[in-house]
Amino acid sequence: MPPPRKRAAAPAKSLSVESTPLLLVCGDDDYGVKQRARQVFGAWCEAAGGMDHETVDGTADTVDQVQRVLRQVREALQTLPFFGGAKVVWLKDCTFLGEGRVSEGKAVLQAVSDFAGELQGFGWEKVRLLISAGKVDRRRSFYKTAQSVGVVELHAGLAEDRDWVHRAEAFVRGEFDRHGQSIEPAALVQLVSNVGPNLRGLATEAEKLSLYVDGRKQITAADVSAVVVPARQAEAFALAEAVADRDLPRALQNLEQELWQVKLSSDRSAIGLVGGLVSKMRLLLLVKELVRLKHLPANADYYGLKDALTRLPEGLLPEEKKFNPAVMHPFPVSKAVGQCANYSVDELRAAMEALLTANLRLVSSSLDHGLVLQEAIVRIIGEGRTAGRAGVGGRGLR
């Protein structure tokens, strides 16, 4: 297959998405990349008119498949519309521009580098190329060529953004706006907390909620509880939340579920469960002291607490995240404000001692891990205790 037709390259100039001949949309945010690429492709096709636009599937698992994909793109770029006019080519979901066994193979690196060189000298009259991909290696020639010839849009995953919660909340509101609906603040917090930094997951759960309420205009926290299944990262905190709520039956039930997961998964352990409980009890102690000193309001809603966290005196707490509620996500801190009323300071200190003892027994003896953890949880909550009076919103036993 001959290389793409050569034309004089256009002089360098400032390009926008509307004017660029080449756009690379890439990044860890798979959902955002695909949404943006579909939007641009639709807009470009509408502006170009005609029916001869082409989409090339960029998924490739072998060297032969990579070469076939590049050959198809070349052919699409060389073949102008039958009746003249402009043409848009979309290399969709390209998988060989980043890291991985196929992408880092010598033959693939050479093929992609050759293709980049062809794009550098290609004339772009009446032809536009859109490329959507996951993570792209910015050190390689292809990325640099895309920057010099056209425009690159990077869509970082939500998890990489320290302020991902605000982005996620804005995204969810936008999803419900499209359906002519709204979501209560508490329900929004619960939804984002359950799903985590995952736009695709948030979009899916928002769609489920919109259908579930069957025409009702506002989504409530009860709706979220009924419909949204917590993601794994949310499930991992269920045991600690039950202990913080001082709900013994629920804590023992969650402990049983967690121990089963420990048996099934190599990345979970009984010591890890102790670590999660230690983190929760430490947070309750910190928050309880901040409430006592009136740095945090005892009865504020989620948004009031967020504001209070931004006003904590500088230097009051260490910078390290696990010791500083001000740099944590506000949602667990807001829950801890209510939960800390379930325990006295002495009870929280005793809880930390019980967890230390449990950790030592787990690492230095052959005792059954389940029994060690069960004994520690019963000591912390109190035998026969159900949910504390405070739960997550009131005042409990002191």
Protein backbone atom coordinates (compact mmCIF):
# COMPACT_ATOMS: atom_id res chain seq x y z
CA MET A 1 0.00 0.00 0.00
CA PRO A 2 1.54 3.32 -1.03
CA PRO A 3 1.84 6.04 1.57
CA PRO A 4 -0.82 8.76 1.79
CA ARG A 5 -0.76 11.32 -0.96
CA LYS A 6 1.78 14.06 -0.30
CA ARG A 7 0.82 17.67 -0.25
CA ALA A 8 2.44 20.79 1.04
CA ALA A 9 1.90 20.99 4.77
CA ALA A 10 -0.06 23.99 5.95
CA PRO A 11 1.93 26.67 7.73
CA ALA A 12 1.99 26.46 11.50
CA LYS A 13 -0.87 28.26 13.14
CA SER A 14 -3.00 28.22 16.26
CA LEU A 15 -5.55 25.44 15.94
CA SER A 16 -8.83 24.73 17.71
CA VAL A 17 -10.94 21.59 17.70
CA GLU A 18 -13.20 23.27 15.13
CA SER A 19 -10.31 24.04 12.73
CA THR A 20 -7.74 21.31 13.33
CA PRO A 21 -7.25 18.59 10.70
CA LEU A 22 -6.20 16.07 13.37
CA LEU A 23 -7.54 15.59 16.89
CA LEU A 24 -6.24 13.04 19.39
CA VAL A 25 -8.65 12.45 22.29
CA CYS A 26 -7.03 10.24 24.92
CA GLY A 27 -6.60 9.54 28.62
CA ASP A 28 -7.46 7.30 31.53
CA ASP A 29 -11.07 8.48 31.61
CA ASP A 30 -12.42 5.91 29.16
CA TYR A 31 -16.00 7.14 29.45
CA GLY A 32 -15.06 10.78 28.95
CA VAL A 33 -12.84 9.96 25.96
CA LYS A 34 -15.58 8.02 24.19
CA GLN A 35 -18.24 10.63 24.91
CA ARG A 36 -16.03 13.44 23.64
CA ALA A 37 -14.96 11.54 20.52
CA ARG A 38 -18.58 10.79 19.59
CA GLN A 39 -19.45 14.45 20.06
CA VAL A 40 -16.58 15.67 17.86
CA PHE A 41 -17.21 13.07 15.15
CA GLY A 42 -20.86 14.07 14.94
CA ALA A 43 -20.01 17.77 14.75
CA TRP A 44 -17.28 17.26 12.14
CA CYS A 45 -19.49 15.07 9.95
CA GLU A 46 -22.33 17.59 10.11
CA ALA A 47 -19.98 20.43 9.16
CA ALA A 48 -18.42 18.43 6.30
CA GLY A 49 -21.70 17.12 4.91
CA GLY A 50 -21.84 14.09 2.63
CA MET A 51 -22.08 10.39 3.51
CA ASP A 52 -18.54 9.08 2.88
CA HIS A 53 -17.09 9.46 6.37
CA GLU A 54 -15.33 6.39 7.76
CA THR A 55 -14.79 4.77 11.16
CA VAL A 56 -11.88 2.37 11.68
CA ASP A 57 -11.85 0.10 14.74
CA GLY A 58 -8.49 0.66 16.47
CA THR A 59 -8.62 -2.41 18.70
CA ALA A 60 -5.56 -4.59 18.01
CA ASP A 61 -4.07 -7.47 20.00
CA THR A 62 -1.27 -8.55 17.63
CA VAL A 63 1.30 -6.96 15.34
CA ASP A 64 -0.66 -8.12 12.28
CA GLN A 65 -3.82 -6.47 13.61
CA VAL A 66 -1.96 -3.19 14.25
CA GLN A 67 -0.63 -3.18 10.71
CA ARG A 68 -4.08 -3.92 9.32
CA VAL A 69 -5.61 -1.04 11.31
CA LEU A 70 -2.96 1.40 10.06
CA ARG A 71 -3.48 0.19 6.51
CA GLN A 72 -7.22 0.84 6.79
CA VAL A 73 -6.58 4.35 8.12
CA ARG A 74 -4.20 5.09 5.26
CA GLU A 75 -6.76 3.91 2.72
CA ALA A 76 -9.48 5.99 4.35
CA LEU A 77 -7.30 9.12 4.28
CA GLN A 78 -6.37 8.62 0.63
CA THR A 79 -9.90 7.94 -0.62
CA LEU A 80 -11.76 11.21 -1.08
CA PRO A 81 -15.58 11.30 -1.16
CA PHE A 82 -17.08 10.05 -4.43
CA PHE A 83 -18.86 13.33 -5.09
CA GLY A 84 -16.07 15.52 -3.77
CA GLY A 85 -16.34 17.61 -0.64
CA ALA A 86 -14.74 16.94 2.76
CA LYS A 87 -14.22 13.67 4.60
CA VAL A 88 -13.88 12.70 8.26
CA VAL A 89 -11.99 9.58 9.36
CA TRP A 90 -12.27 8.28 12.94
CA LEU A 91 -9.67 5.85 14.30
CA LYS A 92 -11.81 4.63 17.16
CA ASP A 93 -10.71 3.09 20.47
CA CYS A 94 -7.07 2.76 19.45
CA THR A 95 -5.26 0.36 21.79
CA PHE A 96 -1.63 0.44 20.61
CA LEU A 97 -0.45 3.98 21.39
CA GLY A 98 0.28 3.51 25.09
CA GLU A 99 1.94 0.86 27.20
CA GLY A 100 1.53 -2.88 27.00
CA ARG A 101 2.95 -5.98 25.37
CA VAL A 102 1.69 -5.16 21.87
CA SER A 103 2.30 -1.41 22.02
CA GLU A 104 5.90 -1.81 23.16
CA GLY A 105 6.85 -4.42 20.59
CA LYS A 106 9.62 -3.35 18.22
CA ALA A 107 7.55 -3.94 15.07
CA VAL A 108 4.59 -1.95 16.43
CA LEU A 109 6.78 0.93 17.60
CA GLN A 110 8.30 1.14 14.13
CA ALA A 111 4.92 0.92 12.37
CA VAL A 112 3.42 3.67 14.54
CA SER A 113 6.53 5.84 14.11
CA ASP A 114 6.34 5.46 10.31
CA PHE A 115 2.65 6.38 10.38
CA ALA A 116 3.44 9.47 12.49
CA GLY A 117 6.00 10.54 9.92
CA GLU A 118 3.42 10.19 7.15
CA LEU A 119 0.94 12.33 9.06
CA GLN A 120 3.60 14.98 9.58
CA GLY A 121 4.03 15.45 5.83
CA PHE A 122 0.43 14.85 4.84
CA GLY A 123 -1.63 17.56 3.18
CA TRP A 124 -4.97 17.96 4.94
CA GLU A 125 -7.20 19.66 2.37
CA LYS A 126 -10.73 18.27 2.75
CA VAL A 127 -9.60 15.50 5.13
CA ARG A 128 -9.82 15.36 8.92
CA LEU A 129 -8.62 12.59 11.23
CA LEU A 130 -10.05 11.94 14.69
CA ILE A 131 -8.25 9.44 16.95
CA SER A 132 -9.67 8.24 20.26
CA ALA A 133 -7.50 6.15 22.56
CA GLY A 134 -6.83 5.27 26.16
CA LYS A 135 -3.55 6.18 27.77
CA VAL A 136 -1.02 7.38 25.17
CA ASP A 137 2.74 7.39 25.75
CA ARG A 138 3.66 11.07 25.56
CA ARG A 139 7.36 10.32 25.03
CA ARG A 140 6.86 8.78 21.61
CA SER A 141 6.86 10.40 18.19
CA PHE A 142 3.18 9.81 17.55
CA TYR A 143 2.06 11.95 20.48
CA LYS A 144 4.47 14.72 19.51
CA THR A 145 3.28 14.56 15.91
CA ALA A 146 -0.34 14.87 17.02
CA GLN A 147 0.60 17.96 19.01
CA SER A 148 2.48 19.58 16.12
CA VAL A 149 0.00 18.73 13.35
CA GLY A 150 -3.22 19.09 15.28
CA VAL A 151 -4.71 19.19 18.77
CA VAL A 152 -4.46 16.77 21.70
CA GLU A 153 -7.16 16.53 24.37
CA LEU A 154 -6.22 14.68 27.55
CA HIS A 155 -9.01 13.28 29.71
CA ALA A 156 -7.54 12.25 33.05
CA GLY A 157 -9.44 9.77 35.20
CA LEU A 158 -11.42 11.17 38.10
CA ALA A 159 -9.30 9.28 40.60
CA GLU A 160 -6.26 11.37 39.60
CA ASP A 161 -8.04 14.59 40.54
CA ARG A 162 -7.83 15.55 44.21
CA ASP A 163 -11.09 17.43 43.73
CA TRP A 164 -12.76 14.54 41.90
CA VAL A 165 -15.84 14.63 44.13
CA HIS A 166 -16.90 18.06 42.86
CA ARG A 167 -16.43 16.94 39.26
CA ALA A 168 -18.43 13.79 39.95
CA GLU A 169 -21.23 15.71 41.63
CA ALA A 170 -21.43 18.18 38.73
CA PHE A 171 -21.51 15.30 36.27
CA VAL A 172 -24.37 13.57 38.12
CA ARG A 173 -26.39 16.78 38.28
CA GLY A 174 -25.91 17.16 34.54
CA GLU A 175 -27.14 13.62 33.93
CA PHE A 176 -30.35 14.28 35.85
CA ASP A 177 -30.76 17.69 34.20
CA ARG A 178 -30.92 15.90 30.85
CA HIS A 179 -33.90 13.94 32.15
CA GLY A 180 -35.59 17.00 33.63
CA GLN A 181 -34.91 15.74 37.16
CA SER A 182 -32.91 16.78 40.21
CA ILE A 183 -31.29 14.97 43.11
CA GLU A 184 -31.35 15.84 46.81
CA PRO A 185 -27.98 16.89 48.28
CA ALA A 186 -27.87 13.91 50.67
CA ALA A 187 -28.77 11.55 47.84
CA LEU A 188 -26.04 13.06 45.64
CA VAL A 189 -23.44 12.57 48.37
CA GLN A 190 -24.56 8.97 48.89
CA LEU A 191 -24.52 8.17 45.18
CA VAL A 192 -21.03 9.58 44.59
CA SER A 193 -19.72 7.86 47.72
CA ASN A 194 -21.14 4.49 46.65
CA VAL A 195 -19.90 4.60 43.07
CA GLY A 196 -16.59 6.43 43.50
CA PRO A 197 -14.48 8.17 40.81
CA ASN A 198 -16.02 6.37 37.84
CA LEU A 199 -17.95 8.45 35.30
CA ARG A 200 -19.27 5.41 33.46
CA GLY A 201 -20.53 3.93 36.71
CA LEU A 202 -22.09 7.24 37.74
CA ALA A 203 -23.85 7.56 34.37
CA THR A 204 -25.18 4.01 34.63
CA GLU A 205 -26.50 4.47 38.16
CA ALA A 206 -28.04 7.84 37.28
CA GLU A 207 -29.87 6.20 34.38
CA LYS A 208 -31.13 3.42 36.67
CA LEU A 209 -32.35 5.94 39.23
CA SER A 210 -34.08 8.03 36.58
CA LEU A 211 -36.02 4.99 35.39
CA TYR A 212 -36.69 3.75 38.92
CA VAL A 213 -38.51 6.89 40.08
CA ASP A 214 -40.87 6.55 37.08
CA GLY A 215 -41.46 10.19 36.24
CA ARG A 216 -40.88 11.65 39.71
CA LYS A 217 -38.82 14.82 39.43
CA GLN A 218 -36.51 14.47 42.44
CA ILE A 219 -34.19 11.62 43.42
CA THR A 220 -34.01 10.96 47.17
CA ALA A 221 -31.54 9.18 49.44
CA ALA A 222 -34.09 6.37 49.83
CA ASP A 223 -34.02 5.89 46.05
CA VAL A 224 -30.22 5.64 46.07
CA SER A 225 -30.33 3.07 48.89
CA ALA A 226 -32.89 1.02 46.98
CA VAL A 227 -31.18 1.04 43.59
CA VAL A 228 -27.44 1.72 43.80
CA VAL A 229 -25.22 -1.21 44.70
CA PRO A 230 -22.05 0.06 46.42
CA ALA A 231 -18.88 -0.46 44.43
CA ARG A 232 -16.12 -2.55 45.91
CA GLN A 233 -14.38 0.43 47.48
CA ALA A 234 -17.62 1.34 49.27
CA GLU A 235 -18.26 -2.23 50.40
CA ALA A 236 -14.79 -2.35 51.92
CA PHE A 237 -15.82 0.27 54.50
CA ALA A 238 -19.08 -1.45 55.51
CA LEU A 239 -17.56 -3.19 58.55
CA ALA A 240 -15.99 -0.02 59.91
CA GLU A 241 -19.23 1.92 59.35
CA ALA A 242 -21.24 -0.67 61.29
CA VAL A 243 -18.79 -0.50 64.20
CA ALA A 244 -18.89 3.30 64.14
CA ASP A 245 -22.71 3.16 64.18
CA ARG A 246 -22.38 0.83 67.19
CA ASP A 247 -24.59 -1.74 65.48
CA LEU A 248 -23.37 -5.14 66.69
CA PRO A 249 -25.59 -7.43 64.56
CA ARG A 250 -24.70 -5.55 61.37
CA ALA A 251 -21.01 -5.44 62.30
CA LEU A 252 -20.86 -9.20 62.86
CA GLN A 253 -22.73 -9.82 59.60
CA ASN A 254 -20.29 -7.59 57.70
CA LEU A 255 -17.36 -9.27 59.43
CA GLU A 256 -18.56 -12.65 58.18
CA GLN A 257 -18.83 -11.29 54.63
CA GLU A 258 -15.38 -9.70 54.81
CA LEU A 259 -13.76 -12.89 56.11
CA TRP A 260 -15.30 -14.77 53.21
CA GLN A 261 -13.77 -12.23 50.81
CA VAL A 262 -10.41 -12.71 52.54
CA LYS A 263 -10.56 -16.39 51.66
CA LEU A 264 -11.41 -15.65 48.03
CA SER A 265 -9.07 -12.73 47.34
CA SER A 266 -5.31 -12.57 47.75
CA ASP A 267 -5.36 -8.77 48.14
CA ARG A 268 -7.45 -8.87 51.31
CA SER A 269 -6.40 -9.97 54.79
CA ALA A 270 -7.62 -10.05 58.36
CA ILE A 271 -4.86 -7.60 59.29
CA GLY A 272 -6.19 -5.29 56.60
CA LEU A 273 -9.61 -5.40 58.28
CA VAL A 274 -7.99 -4.36 61.56
CA GLY A 275 -6.28 -1.49 59.73
CA GLY A 276 -9.60 -0.28 58.38
CA LEU A 277 -11.13 -0.32 61.86
CA VAL A 278 -8.14 1.52 63.31
CA SER A 279 -8.52 4.25 60.68
CA LYS A 280 -12.20 4.64 61.49
CA MET A 281 -11.74 4.77 65.27
CA ARG A 282 -8.88 7.26 64.88
CA LEU A 283 -11.10 9.47 62.71
CA LEU A 284 -13.87 9.34 65.34
CA LEU A 285 -11.37 10.42 68.02
CA LEU A 286 -10.08 13.31 65.90
CA VAL A 287 -13.54 14.50 64.94
CA LYS A 288 -14.85 14.18 68.48
CA GLU A 289 -12.08 16.46 69.73
CA LEU A 290 -12.68 18.97 66.91
CA VAL A 291 -16.36 19.06 67.81
CA ARG A 292 -15.52 19.51 71.50
CA LEU A 293 -13.27 22.44 70.66
CA LYS A 294 -16.05 23.85 68.44
CA HIS A 295 -13.89 23.74 65.31
CA LEU A 296 -16.57 21.55 63.72
CA PRO A 297 -20.34 21.94 64.23
CA ALA A 298 -22.04 18.96 65.85
CA ASN A 299 -25.29 19.28 63.90
CA ALA A 300 -24.31 20.71 60.52
CA ASP A 301 -25.42 19.12 57.26
CA TYR A 302 -22.91 17.85 54.72
CA TYR A 303 -22.39 21.18 52.98
CA GLY A 304 -22.14 23.08 56.25
CA LEU A 305 -19.45 20.67 57.39
CA LYS A 306 -17.55 21.10 54.11
CA ASP A 307 -17.41 24.83 54.75
CA ALA A 308 -16.29 24.30 58.34
CA LEU A 309 -13.44 22.02 57.20
CA THR A 310 -12.07 24.77 54.98
CA ARG A 311 -11.97 27.13 57.97
CA LEU A 312 -9.95 24.92 60.33
CA PRO A 313 -7.00 26.87 61.75
CA GLU A 314 -3.77 26.37 59.84
CA GLY A 315 -1.36 24.07 61.66
CA LEU A 316 -4.08 22.59 63.86
CA LEU A 317 -3.64 19.12 62.37
CA PRO A 318 -0.73 17.29 60.70
CA GLU A 319 -0.51 17.42 56.92
CA GLU A 320 -0.59 13.63 56.58
CA LYS A 321 -4.00 12.67 55.22
CA LYS A 322 -4.79 9.90 57.70
CA PHE A 323 -4.37 12.35 60.59
CA ASN A 324 -6.05 15.36 58.98
CA PRO A 325 -9.82 15.41 58.36
CA ALA A 326 -9.42 18.71 56.51
CA VAL A 327 -7.75 16.97 53.55
CA MET A 328 -10.00 13.91 53.57
CA HIS A 329 -13.15 13.62 51.53
CA PRO A 330 -15.87 15.51 53.45
CA PHE A 331 -18.36 12.63 53.25
CA PRO A 332 -16.69 10.24 55.77
CA VAL A 333 -15.92 13.21 58.02
CA SER A 334 -19.57 14.28 57.98
CA LYS A 335 -20.61 10.76 58.93
CA ALA A 336 -18.00 10.65 61.68
CA VAL A 337 -19.43 13.82 63.25
CA GLY A 338 -22.67 11.97 63.93
CA GLN A 339 -21.04 8.64 64.73
CA CYS A 340 -18.56 9.98 67.27
CA ALA A 341 -21.47 10.70 69.61
CA ASN A 342 -22.00 6.93 69.90
CA TYR A 343 -18.78 6.61 71.92
CA SER A 344 -17.09 8.44 74.76
CA VAL A 345 -13.44 9.41 74.44
CA ASP A 346 -12.50 6.65 76.88
CA GLU A 347 -14.43 4.09 74.82
CA LEU A 348 -12.66 5.17 71.64
CA ARG A 349 -9.27 4.87 73.33
CA ALA A 350 -10.25 1.42 74.61
CA ALA A 351 -11.29 0.52 71.06
CA MET A 352 -7.82 1.41 69.75
CA GLU A 353 -6.26 -0.76 72.48
CA ALA A 354 -8.57 -3.65 71.59
CA LEU A 355 -7.58 -3.39 67.93
CA LEU A 356 -3.87 -3.28 68.84
CA THR A 357 -4.32 -6.45 70.89
CA ALA A 358 -6.20 -8.10 68.01
CA ASN A 359 -3.44 -7.18 65.57
CA LEU A 360 -0.76 -8.67 67.85
CA ARG A 361 -2.77 -11.89 68.24
CA LEU A 362 -3.24 -12.17 64.47
CA VAL A 363 0.48 -11.91 63.73
CA SER A 364 1.87 -13.83 66.70
CA SER A 365 -0.52 -16.73 67.25
CA SER A 366 -2.38 -19.44 65.37
CA LEU A 367 -5.77 -18.40 66.72
CA ASP A 368 -8.69 -18.36 64.31
CA HIS A 369 -8.74 -14.93 62.68
CA GLY A 370 -12.51 -14.75 62.71
CA LEU A 371 -12.72 -15.37 66.44
CA VAL A 372 -10.00 -12.78 67.16
CA LEU A 373 -11.81 -10.11 65.16
CA GLN A 374 -15.22 -11.05 66.52
CA GLU A 375 -13.98 -10.74 70.10
CA ALA A 376 -12.44 -7.32 69.37
CA ILE A 377 -15.63 -6.01 67.77
CA VAL A 378 -17.81 -7.23 70.65
CA ARG A 379 -15.45 -5.53 73.12
CA ILE A 380 -15.61 -2.27 71.18
CA ILE A 381 -19.36 -2.11 70.63
CA GLY A 382 -20.44 -3.87 73.82
CA GLU A 383 -22.09 -7.25 74.09
CA GLY A 384 -25.80 -7.11 73.31
CA ARG A 385 -25.59 -3.57 71.89
CA THR A 386 -27.58 -2.85 68.74
CA ALA A 387 -27.39 0.48 66.92
CA GLY A 388 -26.21 3.47 68.92
CA ARG A 389 -28.77 6.19 69.52
CA ALA A 390 -26.79 8.62 67.44
CA GLY A 391 -26.50 6.52 64.31
CA VAL A 392 -25.27 9.08 61.83
CA GLY A 393 -27.34 12.05 62.87
CA GLY A 394 -28.19 12.27 66.57
CA ARG A 395 -26.56 11.96 69.98
CA GLY A 396 -25.87 8.55 71.44
CA LEU A 397 -24.83 7.11 74.77
CA ARG A 398 -21.80 8.72 76.35
